Amino acid sequence: MTVSVSKDLENIKQSLVYFLRHEQYTKGGETKTLKEFFQGLVVEHAFPDNLENLTLPFIGIEFNTEPSVSYPTFGYKLNEYSFSIYGFCGGHDSVGLNRLQRDQLMNDIKRLLEEKEYLPYYEFPDFSSSSEDLEVTDVNARTIEPTSPVQAERWRFVIDLTLKKFRN
C-alpha cells in the first residue's frame, strides 16, 4: 500500500505541475498557457529552497498531508490529496504592477482549477496518456502577508485545493 500511495502521490503532483505548465485558457480574447500570459513564469513541484535568489514569477506546489481514504460506493476507495500552490510575484518597479501581477496570477490559476473540475492523471515521467481523472475540489485562494524584506516575500499568495482519485 505504501509504494502504491507514494507512486500515486508523485504521479498526482507531477500531473498538477504538467496541467499548470500546459493547460491553455482564454483571457482578453487570447488563448495561451500561464507561462505565455506571465512571461518568465517558473512552475515547480516544490516550495523554493531560497527566496532571496528566486526568479519571479514563481509557482511551487506542496503536498500537505497523508492522503485520506474513504469507501464511498461499490467498494471503490477514494483517496483525497491536499495541496497548496504557492505563488511568488514581483520584480516590477511599482507597487501597483507587482500587486496586479500577483492578483492576476492567483485569479487565473484559481479560475483554471475551478473551471476544469477534473485534471488528467498522468504516469510520471511519460505524460503521454491519461486513463483516469483527478477531481478538483475545495479550491481556496488568499494573499500572504510579507514576513521579511525579501522581494519574493512581498507579493505572495497560496491556493489550497484537494485532488480526489478513485481506486479499485
Protein backbone atom coordinates (compact mmCIF):
# COMPACT_ATOMS: atom_id res chain seq x y z
CA MET A 1 0.00 0.00 0.00
CA THR A 2 2.80 2.49 0.82
CA VAL A 3 4.51 2.00 -2.56
CA SER A 4 1.19 2.45 -4.38
CA VAL A 5 0.31 5.61 -2.42
CA SER A 6 3.83 7.03 -2.94
CA LYS A 7 3.67 6.33 -6.68
CA ASP A 8 0.17 7.83 -6.82
CA LEU A 9 1.31 10.88 -4.91
CA GLU A 10 4.24 11.55 -7.26
CA ASN A 11 2.03 11.00 -10.32
CA ILE A 12 -0.65 13.31 -8.92
CA LYS A 13 1.85 16.04 -8.02
CA GLN A 14 3.52 15.83 -11.44
CA SER A 15 0.09 15.80 -13.15
CA LEU A 16 -0.76 19.06 -11.37
CA VAL A 17 2.58 20.60 -12.43
CA TYR A 18 2.01 19.42 -16.02
CA PHE A 19 -1.50 20.90 -16.00
CA LEU A 20 -0.25 24.28 -14.75
CA ARG A 21 2.52 24.36 -17.36
CA HIS A 22 0.49 23.25 -20.38
CA GLU A 23 -3.23 23.97 -19.91
CA GLN A 24 -4.48 26.71 -22.22
CA TYR A 25 -7.19 29.20 -21.32
CA THR A 26 -8.68 32.31 -22.85
CA LYS A 27 -8.26 35.79 -21.41
CA GLY A 28 -8.81 39.07 -23.22
CA GLY A 29 -9.54 37.25 -26.48
CA GLU A 30 -6.21 35.37 -26.43
CA THR A 31 -5.71 31.67 -25.73
CA LYS A 32 -2.41 30.83 -24.06
CA THR A 33 -0.84 28.93 -21.16
CA LEU A 34 0.01 30.50 -17.81
CA LYS A 35 3.66 30.62 -18.87
CA GLU A 36 2.71 32.54 -22.01
CA PHE A 37 0.47 35.03 -20.18
CA PHE A 38 3.08 35.55 -17.43
CA GLN A 39 6.46 35.87 -19.13
CA GLY A 40 9.27 34.14 -17.26
CA LEU A 41 6.91 32.14 -15.01
CA VAL A 42 8.58 29.15 -13.36
CA VAL A 43 6.34 26.24 -12.27
CA GLU A 44 8.00 23.70 -9.96
CA HIS A 45 6.88 20.65 -7.99
CA ALA A 46 8.18 22.00 -4.65
CA PHE A 47 8.35 25.08 -2.47
CA PRO A 48 11.51 27.05 -3.35
CA ASP A 49 14.64 26.44 -1.28
CA ASN A 50 15.89 30.02 -1.38
CA LEU A 51 13.56 33.02 -1.64
CA GLU A 52 16.40 35.54 -1.95
CA ASN A 53 17.54 34.30 -5.39
CA LEU A 54 14.14 33.30 -6.73
CA THR A 55 13.26 34.00 -10.35
CA LEU A 56 9.91 35.82 -10.37
CA PRO A 57 7.16 35.00 -11.02
CA PHE A 58 7.35 31.52 -9.48
CA ILE A 59 4.84 28.82 -8.55
CA GLY A 60 5.76 25.99 -6.16
CA ILE A 61 3.48 23.08 -5.24
CA GLU A 62 3.46 21.48 -1.80
CA PHE A 63 1.71 18.29 -0.69
CA ASN A 64 0.10 18.95 2.70
CA THR A 65 -0.98 15.73 4.41
CA GLU A 66 -1.13 11.98 4.04
CA PRO A 67 -4.00 11.04 1.73
CA SER A 68 -7.29 10.33 3.42
CA VAL A 69 -9.09 7.19 2.27
CA SER A 70 -12.82 6.54 2.25
CA TYR A 71 -15.07 3.93 0.66
CA PRO A 72 -17.92 5.94 -0.88
CA THR A 73 -19.62 3.35 -3.14
CA PHE A 74 -19.36 -0.16 -4.55
CA GLY A 75 -16.08 -1.00 -2.82
CA TYR A 76 -14.05 1.70 -4.56
CA LYS A 77 -11.58 3.64 -2.47
CA LEU A 78 -11.47 7.39 -2.72
CA ASN A 79 -8.08 8.91 -1.95
CA GLU A 80 -8.02 12.63 -1.21
CA TYR A 81 -4.78 14.57 -1.55
CA SER A 82 -4.39 18.09 -0.14
CA PHE A 83 -2.07 20.50 -1.99
CA SER A 84 -1.04 24.13 -1.74
CA ILE A 85 0.16 26.14 -4.72
CA TYR A 86 2.43 28.94 -3.53
CA GLY A 87 2.88 31.91 -5.85
CA PHE A 88 5.64 34.49 -5.70
CA CYS A 89 5.44 37.65 -7.80
CA GLY A 90 7.31 40.92 -8.12
CA GLY A 91 10.24 42.42 -9.90
CA HIS A 92 8.36 45.42 -11.29
CA ASP A 93 9.31 48.98 -10.41
CA SER A 94 5.93 49.85 -8.92
CA VAL A 95 3.83 48.51 -6.07
CA GLY A 96 0.77 48.64 -8.31
CA LEU A 97 2.29 46.45 -11.04
CA ASN A 98 3.55 43.89 -8.50
CA ARG A 99 0.13 43.72 -6.83
CA LEU A 100 -1.58 43.44 -10.22
CA GLN A 101 0.70 40.59 -11.28
CA ARG A 102 0.08 38.72 -8.01
CA ASP A 103 -3.69 39.19 -8.17
CA GLN A 104 -3.94 38.24 -11.85
CA LEU A 105 -1.77 35.12 -11.48
CA MET A 106 -3.65 33.99 -8.37
CA ASN A 107 -7.04 34.56 -10.03
CA ASP A 108 -6.03 32.87 -13.29
CA ILE A 109 -4.81 29.72 -11.50
CA LYS A 110 -7.92 29.60 -9.31
CA ARG A 111 -10.16 30.05 -12.35
CA LEU A 112 -8.29 27.34 -14.29
CA LEU A 113 -8.76 24.85 -11.44
CA GLU A 114 -12.40 25.72 -10.76
CA GLU A 115 -13.48 25.68 -14.40
CA LYS A 116 -11.71 22.44 -15.26
CA GLU A 117 -13.15 20.36 -12.37
CA TYR A 118 -11.10 17.32 -13.48
CA LEU A 119 -7.39 17.08 -14.29
CA PRO A 120 -5.82 14.26 -16.31
CA TYR A 121 -3.91 11.75 -14.19
CA TYR A 122 -0.58 11.01 -15.90
CA GLU A 123 2.06 8.41 -15.22
CA PHE A 124 5.25 10.31 -14.45
CA PRO A 125 7.64 10.80 -16.28
CA ASP A 126 5.88 9.76 -19.52
CA PHE A 127 2.87 12.15 -19.60
CA SER A 128 1.81 10.60 -22.91
CA SER A 129 -1.62 9.36 -21.92
CA SER A 130 -4.15 9.57 -19.17
CA SER A 131 -6.66 6.83 -18.42
CA GLU A 132 -8.01 8.42 -15.25
CA ASP A 133 -9.00 11.82 -13.95
CA LEU A 134 -8.44 13.67 -10.71
CA GLU A 135 -11.40 15.58 -9.32
CA VAL A 136 -10.56 19.12 -8.19
CA THR A 137 -12.41 20.34 -5.08
CA ASP A 138 -12.12 22.85 -2.24
CA VAL A 139 -10.18 25.49 -4.20
CA ASN A 140 -9.42 28.49 -1.95
CA ALA A 141 -7.05 31.39 -2.64
CA ARG A 142 -5.60 34.09 -0.43
CA THR A 143 -2.70 36.51 -0.35
CA ILE A 144 0.06 36.08 2.24
CA GLU A 145 1.42 39.00 4.24
CA PRO A 146 5.19 39.59 3.92
CA THR A 147 7.36 38.34 6.79
CA SER A 148 10.70 39.76 5.62
CA PRO A 149 12.08 42.42 3.26
CA VAL A 150 12.99 39.81 0.61
CA GLN A 151 11.36 40.74 -2.73
CA ALA A 152 9.77 37.31 -3.23
CA GLU A 153 8.05 37.58 0.18
CA ARG A 154 6.29 40.85 -0.62
CA TRP A 155 3.84 39.62 -3.27
CA ARG A 156 2.90 36.07 -2.29
CA PHE A 157 -0.28 34.04 -2.45
CA VAL A 158 -1.41 30.50 -1.77
CA ILE A 159 -4.13 28.39 -3.38
CA ASP A 160 -5.25 25.37 -1.37
CA LEU A 161 -7.03 22.53 -3.13
CA THR A 162 -7.96 18.89 -2.84
CA LEU A 163 -7.46 16.33 -5.60
CA LYS A 164 -9.54 13.14 -5.41
CA LYS A 165 -8.73 9.84 -7.08
CA PHE A 166 -10.86 6.69 -7.14
CA ARG A 167 -9.12 3.32 -6.82
CA ASN A 168 -10.27 -0.30 -7.04
